[in-house]
């Protein structure tokens, strides 16, 4: 039979071993990609879809590729980025299907890839005390 002391010490031993492992230390904070950088990717990808030029498509892939390895982006965002990386290539004919395959993920990029971090809450403003006393529950006239 396993004693209570043995059951409690096992997680502590595991935590000590995991904490001592060099690869499992706390990672540095990586900021979420800025909305401006995502907007730039969105616009250049739409330009690639519309213009079908080697320059705009190469720039789109260049901006999208590093985001695939970003540790804070959700999988749904990386799915959109992956489709941009795969489809942002000039084609012989700029068909409707090709344009939609690029412009659809680009248009959804800012919605899906936005940060879910909450903004810092502002301190509540002090309110002036209400010194007027009313009888009862305060219903009706004054």
N, C-alpha and C. Protein backbone atom coordinates (compact mmCIF):
# COMPACT_ATOMS: atom_id res chain seq x y z
N UNK A 1 0.85 -1.18 0.00
CA UNK A 1 0.00 0.00 0.00
C UNK A 1 0.89 1.24 0.00
N UNK A 2 0.54 2.24 -0.78
CA UNK A 2 1.31 3.47 -0.90
C UNK A 2 0.84 4.44 0.17
N UNK A 3 1.80 4.97 0.90
CA UNK A 3 1.44 5.88 1.97
C UNK A 3 1.11 7.27 1.40
N UNK A 4 0.46 8.06 2.22
CA UNK A 4 0.09 9.41 1.83
C UNK A 4 1.34 10.23 1.55
N UNK A 5 2.39 10.02 2.32
CA UNK A 5 3.64 10.77 2.14
C UNK A 5 4.25 10.46 0.77
N UNK A 6 4.20 9.20 0.34
CA UNK A 6 4.76 8.83 -0.96
C UNK A 6 3.93 9.43 -2.10
N UNK A 7 2.61 9.46 -1.92
CA UNK A 7 1.76 10.04 -2.96
C UNK A 7 1.97 11.54 -3.08
N UNK A 8 2.21 12.21 -2.00
CA UNK A 8 2.42 13.65 -2.05
C UNK A 8 3.81 14.02 -2.54
N UNK A 9 4.79 13.18 -2.26
CA UNK A 9 6.16 13.53 -2.65
C UNK A 9 6.44 13.23 -4.12
N UNK A 10 5.69 12.36 -4.77
CA UNK A 10 5.93 12.03 -6.18
C UNK A 10 5.77 13.25 -7.08
N UNK A 11 4.68 14.04 -6.95
CA UNK A 11 4.57 15.23 -7.81
C UNK A 11 5.67 16.25 -7.53
N UNK A 12 6.11 16.34 -6.27
CA UNK A 12 7.17 17.29 -5.95
C UNK A 12 8.49 16.86 -6.58
N UNK A 13 8.77 15.56 -6.59
CA UNK A 13 9.99 15.07 -7.22
C UNK A 13 9.94 15.31 -8.73
N UNK A 14 8.78 15.05 -9.32
CA UNK A 14 8.65 15.28 -10.76
C UNK A 14 8.82 16.75 -11.10
N UNK A 15 8.28 17.61 -10.27
CA UNK A 15 8.42 19.05 -10.51
C UNK A 15 9.88 19.48 -10.39
N UNK A 16 10.60 18.90 -9.45
CA UNK A 16 12.01 19.24 -9.29
C UNK A 16 12.82 18.78 -10.49
N UNK A 17 12.53 17.58 -11.00
CA UNK A 17 13.24 17.06 -12.16
C UNK A 17 12.92 17.90 -13.39
N UNK A 18 11.63 18.22 -13.59
CA UNK A 18 11.25 19.01 -14.75
C UNK A 18 11.83 20.42 -14.66
N UNK A 19 11.86 20.99 -13.48
CA UNK A 19 12.42 22.32 -13.31
C UNK A 19 13.91 22.35 -13.58
N UNK A 20 14.58 21.24 -13.36
CA UNK A 20 16.02 21.20 -13.57
C UNK A 20 16.38 20.96 -15.03
N UNK A 21 15.41 20.53 -15.84
CA UNK A 21 15.69 20.27 -17.25
C UNK A 21 15.97 21.59 -17.97
N UNK A 22 17.04 21.66 -18.76
CA UNK A 22 17.42 22.93 -19.37
C UNK A 22 16.42 23.45 -20.40
N UNK A 23 15.72 22.59 -21.10
CA UNK A 23 14.80 23.04 -22.13
C UNK A 23 13.43 23.42 -21.62
N UNK A 24 13.16 23.17 -20.35
CA UNK A 24 11.83 23.40 -19.81
C UNK A 24 11.77 24.61 -18.90
N UNK A 25 12.69 25.52 -19.04
CA UNK A 25 12.66 26.73 -18.23
C UNK A 25 11.64 27.69 -18.81
N UNK A 26 11.31 28.71 -18.06
CA UNK A 26 10.31 29.68 -18.52
C UNK A 26 10.83 30.41 -19.75
N UNK A 27 9.98 30.47 -20.78
CA UNK A 27 10.36 31.14 -22.00
C UNK A 27 10.21 32.65 -21.83
N UNK A 28 10.93 33.38 -22.64
CA UNK A 28 10.79 34.82 -22.65
C UNK A 28 9.46 35.20 -23.26
N UNK A 29 8.95 36.32 -22.86
CA UNK A 29 7.67 36.81 -23.38
C UNK A 29 7.85 37.23 -24.84
N UNK A 30 7.02 36.70 -25.71
CA UNK A 30 7.05 37.06 -27.12
C UNK A 30 5.79 37.86 -27.39
N UNK A 31 5.92 39.13 -27.79
CA UNK A 31 4.72 39.94 -28.00
C UNK A 31 3.90 39.44 -29.19
N UNK A 32 2.62 39.66 -29.11
CA UNK A 32 1.70 39.29 -30.18
C UNK A 32 2.01 40.18 -31.39
N UNK A 33 1.89 39.68 -32.61
CA UNK A 33 2.14 40.54 -33.78
C UNK A 33 1.22 41.76 -33.75
N UNK A 34 1.75 42.89 -34.14
CA UNK A 34 0.96 44.12 -34.10
C UNK A 34 -0.13 44.09 -35.16
N UNK A 35 -1.16 44.86 -34.92
CA UNK A 35 -2.26 44.94 -35.87
C UNK A 35 -1.76 45.57 -37.18
N UNK A 36 -0.78 46.46 -37.08
CA UNK A 36 -0.22 47.09 -38.28
C UNK A 36 0.48 46.06 -39.16
N UNK A 37 1.23 45.15 -38.55
CA UNK A 37 1.94 44.13 -39.34
C UNK A 37 0.95 43.17 -39.99
N UNK A 38 -0.12 42.82 -39.28
CA UNK A 38 -1.15 41.95 -39.86
C UNK A 38 -1.91 42.67 -40.97
N UNK A 39 -2.15 43.97 -40.77
CA UNK A 39 -2.83 44.76 -41.80
C UNK A 39 -1.96 44.88 -43.05
N UNK A 40 -0.63 45.03 -42.86
CA UNK A 40 0.27 45.09 -44.01
C UNK A 40 0.23 43.78 -44.80
N UNK A 41 0.25 42.66 -44.08
CA UNK A 41 0.15 41.36 -44.75
C UNK A 41 -1.18 41.23 -45.49
N UNK A 42 -2.24 41.68 -44.87
CA UNK A 42 -3.56 41.62 -45.49
C UNK A 42 -3.58 42.41 -46.80
N UNK A 43 -3.09 43.63 -46.77
CA UNK A 43 -3.14 44.49 -47.95
C UNK A 43 -2.25 43.97 -49.08
N UNK A 44 -1.06 43.50 -48.75
CA UNK A 44 -0.16 43.02 -49.80
C UNK A 44 -0.69 41.71 -50.39
N UNK A 45 -1.37 40.90 -49.59
CA UNK A 45 -1.95 39.66 -50.10
C UNK A 45 -3.13 39.96 -51.03
N UNK A 46 -3.93 40.95 -50.68
CA UNK A 46 -5.02 41.36 -51.56
C UNK A 46 -4.45 41.93 -52.87
N UNK A 47 -3.34 42.66 -52.77
CA UNK A 47 -2.68 43.18 -53.98
C UNK A 47 -2.17 42.03 -54.84
N UNK A 48 -1.63 41.00 -54.22
CA UNK A 48 -1.16 39.82 -54.96
C UNK A 48 -2.33 39.16 -55.68
N UNK A 49 -3.47 39.04 -55.00
CA UNK A 49 -4.64 38.43 -55.61
C UNK A 49 -5.15 39.28 -56.78
N UNK A 50 -5.15 40.57 -56.61
CA UNK A 50 -5.69 41.47 -57.63
C UNK A 50 -4.74 41.65 -58.81
N UNK A 51 -3.46 41.94 -58.52
CA UNK A 51 -2.52 42.31 -59.58
C UNK A 51 -1.81 41.11 -60.21
N UNK A 52 -1.66 40.02 -59.44
CA UNK A 52 -1.01 38.81 -59.94
C UNK A 52 0.43 39.09 -60.40
N UNK A 53 1.16 39.87 -59.59
CA UNK A 53 2.55 40.19 -59.93
C UNK A 53 3.51 39.41 -59.04
N UNK A 54 4.69 39.17 -59.54
CA UNK A 54 5.70 38.43 -58.78
C UNK A 54 6.14 39.22 -57.54
N UNK A 55 6.21 40.56 -57.68
CA UNK A 55 6.66 41.40 -56.56
C UNK A 55 5.70 41.32 -55.38
N UNK A 56 4.41 41.56 -55.63
CA UNK A 56 3.45 41.57 -54.53
C UNK A 56 3.29 40.19 -53.91
N UNK A 57 3.34 39.15 -54.72
CA UNK A 57 3.19 37.79 -54.19
C UNK A 57 4.41 37.38 -53.37
N UNK A 58 5.61 37.76 -53.82
CA UNK A 58 6.82 37.45 -53.06
C UNK A 58 6.82 38.19 -51.73
N UNK A 59 6.37 39.45 -51.74
CA UNK A 59 6.30 40.24 -50.50
C UNK A 59 5.28 39.63 -49.54
N UNK A 60 4.19 39.13 -50.07
CA UNK A 60 3.16 38.49 -49.25
C UNK A 60 3.72 37.24 -48.56
N UNK A 61 4.41 36.40 -49.31
CA UNK A 61 5.02 35.20 -48.73
C UNK A 61 6.10 35.58 -47.72
N UNK A 62 6.86 36.63 -48.02
CA UNK A 62 7.93 37.08 -47.13
C UNK A 62 7.38 37.55 -45.78
N UNK A 63 6.23 38.22 -45.80
CA UNK A 63 5.62 38.69 -44.55
C UNK A 63 4.91 37.56 -43.80
N UNK A 64 4.35 36.61 -44.53
CA UNK A 64 3.56 35.55 -43.90
C UNK A 64 4.43 34.45 -43.32
N UNK A 65 5.52 34.14 -43.96
CA UNK A 65 6.34 33.00 -43.55
C UNK A 65 6.82 33.05 -42.10
N UNK A 66 7.36 34.16 -41.60
CA UNK A 66 7.80 34.17 -40.19
C UNK A 66 6.66 33.99 -39.19
N UNK A 67 5.45 34.36 -39.58
CA UNK A 67 4.32 34.23 -38.67
C UNK A 67 3.92 32.78 -38.44
N UNK A 68 4.33 31.89 -39.34
CA UNK A 68 4.02 30.47 -39.16
C UNK A 68 4.70 29.90 -37.92
N UNK A 69 5.83 30.46 -37.53
CA UNK A 69 6.57 29.98 -36.35
C UNK A 69 6.29 30.79 -35.10
N UNK A 70 5.37 31.73 -35.18
CA UNK A 70 5.10 32.59 -34.02
C UNK A 70 4.41 31.78 -32.93
N UNK A 71 4.95 31.78 -31.71
CA UNK A 71 4.40 30.92 -30.65
C UNK A 71 3.06 31.36 -30.09
N UNK A 72 2.63 32.59 -30.32
CA UNK A 72 1.41 33.06 -29.69
C UNK A 72 0.19 33.05 -30.62
N UNK A 73 0.41 32.80 -31.90
CA UNK A 73 -0.72 32.80 -32.83
C UNK A 73 -1.51 31.50 -32.72
N UNK A 74 -2.84 31.59 -32.71
CA UNK A 74 -3.65 30.36 -32.62
C UNK A 74 -3.60 29.58 -33.93
N UNK A 75 -3.97 28.33 -33.87
CA UNK A 75 -3.94 27.45 -35.03
C UNK A 75 -4.84 27.95 -36.15
N UNK A 76 -5.99 28.52 -35.81
CA UNK A 76 -6.89 29.03 -36.84
C UNK A 76 -6.24 30.16 -37.63
N UNK A 77 -5.45 30.97 -36.96
CA UNK A 77 -4.72 32.05 -37.63
C UNK A 77 -3.63 31.47 -38.52
N UNK A 78 -2.92 30.48 -38.01
CA UNK A 78 -1.85 29.87 -38.80
C UNK A 78 -2.40 29.14 -40.02
N UNK A 79 -3.63 28.64 -39.94
CA UNK A 79 -4.26 28.03 -41.12
C UNK A 79 -4.44 29.06 -42.23
N UNK A 80 -4.87 30.27 -41.86
CA UNK A 80 -5.03 31.33 -42.86
C UNK A 80 -3.67 31.72 -43.44
N UNK A 81 -2.69 31.86 -42.57
CA UNK A 81 -1.35 32.25 -43.02
C UNK A 81 -0.76 31.17 -43.93
N UNK A 82 -1.00 29.92 -43.59
CA UNK A 82 -0.49 28.82 -44.42
C UNK A 82 -1.11 28.87 -45.82
N UNK A 83 -2.39 29.16 -45.90
CA UNK A 83 -3.02 29.24 -47.22
C UNK A 83 -2.47 30.42 -48.01
N UNK A 84 -2.12 31.50 -47.33
CA UNK A 84 -1.50 32.64 -48.02
C UNK A 84 -0.13 32.24 -48.54
N UNK A 85 0.67 31.57 -47.72
CA UNK A 85 2.01 31.15 -48.13
C UNK A 85 1.93 30.22 -49.34
N UNK A 86 0.97 29.31 -49.32
CA UNK A 86 0.84 28.34 -50.40
C UNK A 86 0.30 28.93 -51.70
N UNK A 87 -0.62 29.88 -51.60
CA UNK A 87 -1.31 30.39 -52.78
C UNK A 87 -0.76 31.70 -53.33
N UNK A 88 0.09 32.38 -52.60
CA UNK A 88 0.61 33.68 -53.03
C UNK A 88 1.73 33.50 -54.05
N UNK A 89 1.34 33.05 -55.22
CA UNK A 89 2.28 32.85 -56.33
C UNK A 89 1.59 33.35 -57.59
N UNK A 90 2.33 34.05 -58.46
CA UNK A 90 1.69 34.51 -59.70
C UNK A 90 1.25 33.33 -60.55
N UNK A 91 0.13 33.50 -61.22
CA UNK A 91 -0.41 32.44 -62.07
C UNK A 91 -0.49 32.94 -63.51
N UNK A 92 -0.60 32.01 -64.46
CA UNK A 92 -0.72 32.38 -65.87
C UNK A 92 -2.00 33.17 -66.10
N UNK A 93 -3.10 32.68 -65.55
CA UNK A 93 -4.36 33.40 -65.64
C UNK A 93 -4.86 33.69 -64.24
N UNK A 94 -5.28 34.91 -64.03
CA UNK A 94 -5.75 35.33 -62.72
C UNK A 94 -7.24 35.04 -62.61
N UNK A 95 -7.55 33.78 -62.39
CA UNK A 95 -8.95 33.35 -62.34
C UNK A 95 -9.64 33.81 -61.07
N UNK A 96 -10.94 33.75 -61.09
CA UNK A 96 -11.74 34.10 -59.91
C UNK A 96 -11.39 33.21 -58.72
N UNK A 97 -11.20 31.91 -58.98
CA UNK A 97 -10.88 30.97 -57.91
C UNK A 97 -9.54 31.32 -57.26
N UNK A 98 -8.55 31.71 -58.07
CA UNK A 98 -7.25 32.07 -57.53
C UNK A 98 -7.36 33.34 -56.68
N UNK A 99 -8.08 34.34 -57.19
CA UNK A 99 -8.23 35.59 -56.43
C UNK A 99 -8.94 35.33 -55.11
N UNK A 100 -9.99 34.52 -55.14
CA UNK A 100 -10.73 34.23 -53.90
C UNK A 100 -9.90 33.40 -52.92
N UNK A 101 -9.07 32.50 -53.44
CA UNK A 101 -8.23 31.68 -52.57
C UNK A 101 -7.23 32.54 -51.79
N UNK A 102 -6.90 33.71 -52.30
CA UNK A 102 -6.00 34.62 -51.60
C UNK A 102 -6.74 35.70 -50.83
N UNK A 103 -7.75 36.29 -51.44
CA UNK A 103 -8.41 37.42 -50.78
C UNK A 103 -9.28 36.99 -49.60
N UNK A 104 -9.86 35.80 -49.64
CA UNK A 104 -10.69 35.35 -48.51
C UNK A 104 -9.88 35.19 -47.22
N UNK A 105 -8.75 34.46 -47.22
CA UNK A 105 -7.98 34.39 -45.98
C UNK A 105 -7.40 35.75 -45.58
N UNK A 106 -7.05 36.57 -46.56
CA UNK A 106 -6.50 37.89 -46.24
C UNK A 106 -7.55 38.75 -45.55
N UNK A 107 -8.79 38.69 -46.01
CA UNK A 107 -9.85 39.50 -45.41
C UNK A 107 -10.19 39.02 -44.00
N UNK A 108 -10.07 37.75 -43.73
CA UNK A 108 -10.38 37.21 -42.40
C UNK A 108 -9.22 37.32 -41.42
N UNK A 109 -8.05 37.70 -41.91
CA UNK A 109 -6.82 37.69 -41.12
C UNK A 109 -6.94 38.51 -39.84
N UNK A 110 -7.43 39.73 -39.93
CA UNK A 110 -7.50 40.60 -38.75
C UNK A 110 -8.53 40.12 -37.74
N UNK A 111 -9.56 39.45 -38.20
CA UNK A 111 -10.57 38.94 -37.27
C UNK A 111 -10.07 37.71 -36.51
N UNK A 112 -9.43 36.81 -37.22
CA UNK A 112 -9.01 35.54 -36.63
C UNK A 112 -7.71 35.68 -35.85
N UNK A 113 -6.82 36.55 -36.29
CA UNK A 113 -5.49 36.63 -35.70
C UNK A 113 -5.35 37.73 -34.66
N UNK A 114 -6.43 38.29 -34.20
CA UNK A 114 -6.30 39.36 -33.21
C UNK A 114 -5.95 38.80 -31.84
N UNK A 115 -5.33 39.63 -31.06
CA UNK A 115 -4.91 39.24 -29.72
C UNK A 115 -6.12 39.14 -28.81
N UNK A 116 -6.13 38.12 -27.98
CA UNK A 116 -7.22 37.95 -27.02
C UNK A 116 -6.85 38.50 -25.64
N UNK A 117 -5.72 39.17 -25.55
CA UNK A 117 -5.32 39.75 -24.28
C UNK A 117 -6.21 40.94 -23.97
N UNK A 118 -6.55 41.07 -22.73
CA UNK A 118 -7.37 42.19 -22.32
C UNK A 118 -6.51 43.42 -22.14
N UNK A 119 -7.06 44.55 -22.51
CA UNK A 119 -6.35 45.80 -22.27
C UNK A 119 -6.32 46.05 -20.77
N UNK A 120 -5.35 46.82 -20.33
CA UNK A 120 -5.26 47.12 -18.91
C UNK A 120 -6.50 47.90 -18.48
N UNK A 121 -7.18 47.43 -17.45
CA UNK A 121 -8.38 48.15 -17.02
C UNK A 121 -8.00 49.49 -16.40
N UNK A 122 -8.80 50.49 -16.69
CA UNK A 122 -8.55 51.80 -16.13
C UNK A 122 -9.07 51.82 -14.70
N UNK A 123 -8.40 52.61 -13.88
CA UNK A 123 -8.82 52.74 -12.49
C UNK A 123 -10.18 53.43 -12.46
N UNK A 124 -11.09 52.95 -11.62
CA UNK A 124 -12.41 53.58 -11.57
C UNK A 124 -12.29 55.02 -11.07
N UNK A 125 -13.06 55.90 -11.68
CA UNK A 125 -13.05 57.31 -11.30
C UNK A 125 -13.86 57.47 -10.01
N UNK A 126 -13.31 58.21 -9.05
CA UNK A 126 -14.08 58.43 -7.82
C UNK A 126 -15.29 59.30 -8.12
N UNK A 127 -16.41 58.91 -7.52
CA UNK A 127 -17.64 59.67 -7.74
C UNK A 127 -17.89 60.57 -6.54
N UNK A 128 -18.48 61.70 -6.83
CA UNK A 128 -18.81 62.64 -5.75
C UNK A 128 -19.91 62.02 -4.90
N UNK A 129 -19.79 62.14 -3.59
CA UNK A 129 -20.83 61.56 -2.73
C UNK A 129 -22.16 62.29 -2.92
N UNK A 130 -23.22 61.53 -2.83
CA UNK A 130 -24.56 62.08 -2.96
C UNK A 130 -25.07 62.37 -1.57
N UNK A 131 -25.10 63.65 -1.21
CA UNK A 131 -25.45 64.05 0.16
C UNK A 131 -26.94 64.27 0.36
N UNK A 132 -27.73 64.20 -0.67
CA UNK A 132 -29.16 64.42 -0.50
C UNK A 132 -29.79 63.15 0.04
N UNK A 133 -30.49 63.28 1.13
CA UNK A 133 -31.17 62.13 1.75
C UNK A 133 -32.62 62.13 1.33
N UNK A 134 -33.08 60.97 0.99
CA UNK A 134 -34.48 60.80 0.60
C UNK A 134 -35.11 59.79 1.51
N UNK A 135 -36.34 59.99 1.79
CA UNK A 135 -37.06 59.03 2.63
C UNK A 135 -37.57 57.87 1.76
N UNK A 136 -37.69 56.73 2.35
CA UNK A 136 -38.24 55.59 1.65
C UNK A 136 -37.25 54.98 0.66
N UNK A 137 -37.78 54.43 -0.39
CA UNK A 137 -36.94 53.76 -1.38
C UNK A 137 -36.53 54.66 -2.53
N UNK A 138 -36.95 55.87 -2.55
CA UNK A 138 -36.59 56.79 -3.61
C UNK A 138 -37.47 56.70 -4.84
N UNK A 139 -38.63 56.06 -4.71
CA UNK A 139 -39.55 55.97 -5.82
C UNK A 139 -40.39 57.23 -5.89
N UNK A 140 -40.82 57.55 -7.06
CA UNK A 140 -41.75 58.67 -7.23
C UNK A 140 -41.04 60.00 -7.30
N UNK A 141 -41.75 61.06 -6.98
CA UNK A 141 -41.24 62.44 -7.12
C UNK A 141 -40.30 62.80 -5.99
N UNK A 142 -39.83 64.03 -6.04
CA UNK A 142 -38.84 64.47 -5.06
C UNK A 142 -39.43 65.04 -3.83
